[in-house]
Every structure is written in structure tokens, then in C-alpha cells.
Protein backbone atom coordinates (compact mmCIF):
# COMPACT_ATOMS: atom_id res chain seq x y z
CA GLY A 1 -28.23 41.06 2.91
CA LEU A 2 -29.20 37.32 1.97
CA ILE A 3 -27.56 35.47 -0.48
CA THR A 4 -30.54 33.62 -2.30
CA ARG A 5 -28.95 32.37 -5.46
CA GLN A 6 -27.53 28.91 -5.55
CA ILE A 7 -23.61 28.16 -3.78
CA THR A 8 -22.79 24.74 -5.53
CA LEU A 9 -19.77 23.90 -3.32
CA LYS A 10 -17.46 20.71 -4.21
CA LEU A 11 -15.70 19.04 -0.91
CA ASP A 12 -12.20 17.18 -1.92
CA GLU A 13 -12.49 16.09 1.90
CA ALA A 14 -15.22 14.95 4.43
CA GLY A 15 -15.42 17.18 7.21
CA THR A 16 -14.45 20.34 5.90
CA LEU A 17 -17.66 22.46 5.12
CA PRO A 18 -17.25 24.46 8.05
CA ASP A 19 -13.86 25.88 6.52
CA ARG A 20 -15.45 26.86 3.42
CA ILE A 21 -18.13 28.72 4.43
CA SER A 22 -17.58 32.01 6.50
CA GLU A 23 -19.45 32.56 9.92
CA SER A 24 -20.56 36.03 8.21
CA LYS A 25 -21.78 33.87 5.22
CA LYS A 26 -23.50 30.81 7.39
CA TYR A 27 -26.70 31.96 8.28
CA LEU A 28 -27.05 34.51 4.78
CA ILE A 29 -27.32 32.03 2.31
CA THR A 30 -31.05 30.19 1.56
CA ASN A 31 -29.76 27.73 -1.92
CA LEU A 32 -26.81 25.23 -1.03
CA LYS A 33 -25.57 22.61 -3.19
CA ILE A 34 -22.76 19.99 -1.68
CA VAL A 35 -20.77 17.65 -3.80
CA GLY A 36 -18.60 15.06 -2.30
CA GLU A 37 -18.45 13.35 1.11
CA VAL A 38 -19.95 14.73 4.23
CA ASN A 39 -19.27 13.91 7.49
CA GLY A 40 -20.79 14.85 11.23
CA THR A 41 -19.03 17.95 11.49
CA ASP A 42 -20.61 18.83 7.63
CA TRP A 43 -23.76 17.93 8.78
CA LEU A 44 -23.81 19.66 11.55
CA PHE A 45 -22.96 22.77 10.30
CA ILE A 46 -25.62 22.03 7.60
CA ARG A 47 -28.19 21.66 10.42
CA GLU A 48 -26.68 25.21 11.99
CA MET A 49 -27.46 26.70 8.30
CA ALA A 50 -30.76 25.30 8.52
CA GLY A 51 -32.07 26.43 11.78
CA SER A 52 -31.60 24.05 14.36
CA ASP A 53 -27.96 23.57 16.34
CA PHE A 54 -26.27 20.18 18.26
CA ARG A 55 -28.97 20.79 21.25
CA GLY A 56 -31.97 21.68 18.57
CA ASP A 57 -32.27 24.63 19.63
CA LYS A 58 -33.25 27.09 17.02
CA THR A 59 -30.23 29.45 15.41
CA ASP A 60 -30.63 32.52 12.53
CA GLY A 61 -29.96 30.14 9.84
CA LYS A 62 -32.47 30.94 6.45
CA LEU A 63 -30.76 27.44 4.50
CA SER A 64 -34.50 26.75 2.84
CA ILE A 65 -33.09 24.46 -0.54
CA LEU A 66 -30.61 21.82 -0.09
CA ASP A 67 -29.10 19.49 -2.23
CA LEU A 68 -27.57 17.00 -1.41
CA SER A 69 -28.01 14.85 -4.79
CA ASP A 70 -24.28 14.17 -5.47
CA ALA A 71 -22.90 14.34 -2.34
CA LYS A 72 -22.41 11.30 -0.27
CA ILE A 73 -23.07 10.69 3.66
CA VAL A 74 -19.63 8.94 5.14
CA LYS A 75 -18.74 7.73 8.82
CA GLY A 76 -16.65 9.96 11.19
CA GLY A 77 -16.28 13.43 11.90
CA LEU A 78 -17.99 15.47 15.47
CA PRO A 79 -21.48 14.19 16.59
CA TYR A 80 -24.29 16.19 14.45
CA VAL A 81 -26.96 16.48 17.35
CA ALA A 82 -27.43 15.59 20.82
CA ARG A 83 -30.99 14.15 21.90
CA LEU A 84 -31.94 12.75 25.69
CA ASP A 85 -27.62 13.41 25.49
CA ASN A 86 -27.74 10.45 23.12
CA GLU A 87 -24.94 12.04 20.77
CA GLN A 88 -25.65 10.94 16.81
CA TYR A 89 -23.06 10.13 14.38
CA THR A 90 -22.91 10.27 10.73
CA SER A 91 -22.76 5.90 9.11
CA ASN A 92 -21.97 5.37 5.80
CA ASP A 93 -25.31 5.61 3.10
CA GLU A 94 -27.37 6.53 6.21
CA LEU A 95 -29.84 9.35 7.15
CA GLY A 96 -29.19 9.15 10.80
CA ASP A 97 -31.48 9.62 13.49
CA TYR A 98 -32.48 13.16 13.85
CA ALA A 99 -30.68 14.16 10.96
CA PHE A 100 -32.98 17.36 10.16
CA TYR A 101 -34.15 17.17 14.16
CA GLY A 102 -35.77 21.14 13.94
CA CYS A 103 -34.88 22.19 10.65
CA SER A 104 -38.23 23.91 10.21
CA GLY A 105 -36.95 26.46 7.70
CA LEU A 106 -36.05 23.87 4.81
CA THR A 107 -38.03 23.97 1.96
CA SER A 108 -36.83 21.71 -0.13
CA LEU A 109 -34.58 18.64 -0.03
CA THR A 110 -32.66 16.42 -2.77
CA LEU A 111 -31.07 13.66 -0.23
CA PRO A 112 -27.66 12.05 -1.61
CA SER A 113 -28.87 8.86 -4.35
CA SER A 114 -26.72 6.53 -2.01
CA VAL A 115 -28.87 6.70 1.04
CA THR A 116 -30.23 3.63 1.72
CA SER A 117 -31.76 4.54 5.80
CA ILE A 118 -33.84 6.73 7.03
CA GLY A 119 -33.30 7.15 10.60
CA ASP A 120 -36.02 7.98 13.70
CA TYR A 121 -37.43 11.33 13.64
CA ALA A 122 -35.03 12.04 11.08
CA PHE A 123 -36.78 14.96 9.51
CA TYR A 124 -38.75 15.91 12.94
CA GLY A 125 -40.20 19.22 12.90
CA CYS A 126 -39.22 20.03 9.38
CA SER A 127 -42.73 21.47 9.05
CA GLY A 128 -41.39 23.85 6.62
CA LEU A 129 -40.52 20.96 4.26
CA ALA A 130 -42.78 21.13 1.16
CA SER A 131 -40.83 18.95 -1.26
CA LEU A 132 -38.81 16.12 -0.49
CA THR A 133 -36.73 13.42 -2.96
CA LEU A 134 -36.04 10.29 -1.63
CA PRO A 135 -33.75 8.58 -3.97
CA SER A 136 -34.44 4.53 -5.21
CA SER A 137 -31.92 3.09 -3.14
CA VAL A 138 -33.99 3.90 0.52
CA THR A 139 -34.71 0.47 1.79
CA SER A 140 -36.27 1.49 5.48
CA ILE A 141 -37.34 4.78 6.99
CA GLY A 142 -37.74 5.11 10.83
CA TRP A 143 -39.73 5.67 13.60
CA TYR A 144 -41.66 9.04 13.74
CA ALA A 145 -39.30 10.27 10.36
CA PHE A 146 -41.86 12.72 9.74
CA LYS A 147 -43.62 13.62 12.51
CA GLY A 148 -44.23 17.69 12.50
CA CYS A 149 -43.82 18.02 8.57
CA SER A 150 -46.80 19.80 7.79
CA GLY A 151 -46.19 21.13 4.77
CA LEU A 152 -45.17 18.03 3.30
CA THR A 153 -48.34 17.16 1.13
CA SER A 154 -47.39 14.89 -0.67
CA LEU A 155 -44.15 12.18 -0.71
CA THR A 156 -43.47 9.14 -3.22
CA LEU A 157 -42.02 6.35 -1.65
CA PRO A 158 -39.20 4.35 -4.17
CA SER A 159 -40.35 0.64 -4.42
CA SER A 160 -36.90 -0.32 -2.53
CA VAL A 161 -38.79 0.56 0.77
CA THR A 162 -39.27 -2.61 2.97
CA SER A 163 -40.00 -1.27 6.41
CA ILE A 164 -40.99 1.87 7.70
CA GLY A 165 -41.58 2.99 11.51
CA ASP A 166 -44.72 4.06 13.19
CA GLU A 167 -45.92 7.65 12.50
């Protein structure tokens, strides 16, 4: 029952991803490409598809390949995660704190080309992540961004990066 071919969705409006994928298919898609703007509502849905819910608890999500190269992160929508009772919301062109926290099933990720910063704990616990493409627009990487990424054996940092947090 898994859907292994790449599913490409063009979002005409941020916050509409949950309307485009049925609950019955949400946990069956393994390869997704999103084109268009995504906000916190979409991000929460992506996290659930990738195996981690609002609190960081495990879901039945099977998403392993995520291509956001033609997507743009924008401010708005629901909070996408809450850690230590601190809710996180999306901001324009920022991969926020805890963005993929606990999404251990992700194996390959391509970020939007417009992303300028990667937040604290952004990939924390993404133990399955083997391939990650950082865009040349990234200038800062937060604290503990890659902690627990045991599957990531190499990573090329773009020359635009001017600050990297601890661990």
C-alpha cells in the first residue's frame, strides 16, 4: 500500500497541503515534492508525514524523500511544533527551530533555494538522513542543528555560511 513514486504538488496558496492529501494517503507517501509557498500549517503536515507530530512523538508517517527545491517558506499558519511548551511558527525564508525534530524516517531532503537560516535543533534526531542539500543562500546554522544525525556521513557547507552554533 505504500506510494513510492514521487508525488509532486503545486500549492497555489500556503496552508493548503492538508487539503491536497487525504488522511488515507498521508501516511503512505514516501517521496514528495512541493512547489509553491508553505507555512506552519503545511509544515506540521509534512512533519506528521515524516514521522513526528506536533509534540515530537512518533507518527505512522513513511515520508523518506522530500524535495522542497521549488518551495518557499513563508510566515503564517498554525504552529508546526511545540518543544518545552514553546510553539514554533514559520518565518519567511527560515528553516525554523525544531523544523524536522524527530523525523527519523527522512533519508533525503532538498531545502528551498531561498532559505537563509537553519534554526536550533532543526534536524535533531534525524538519524535516517543520509542526503541533505544546503542552498547557497544559507548564512547561519543554529545550535544542535545536526545532533543525532548519525546517518549523515558528509555535508558540504556553502561558502555563504558565516555562523554555526554548538554541536
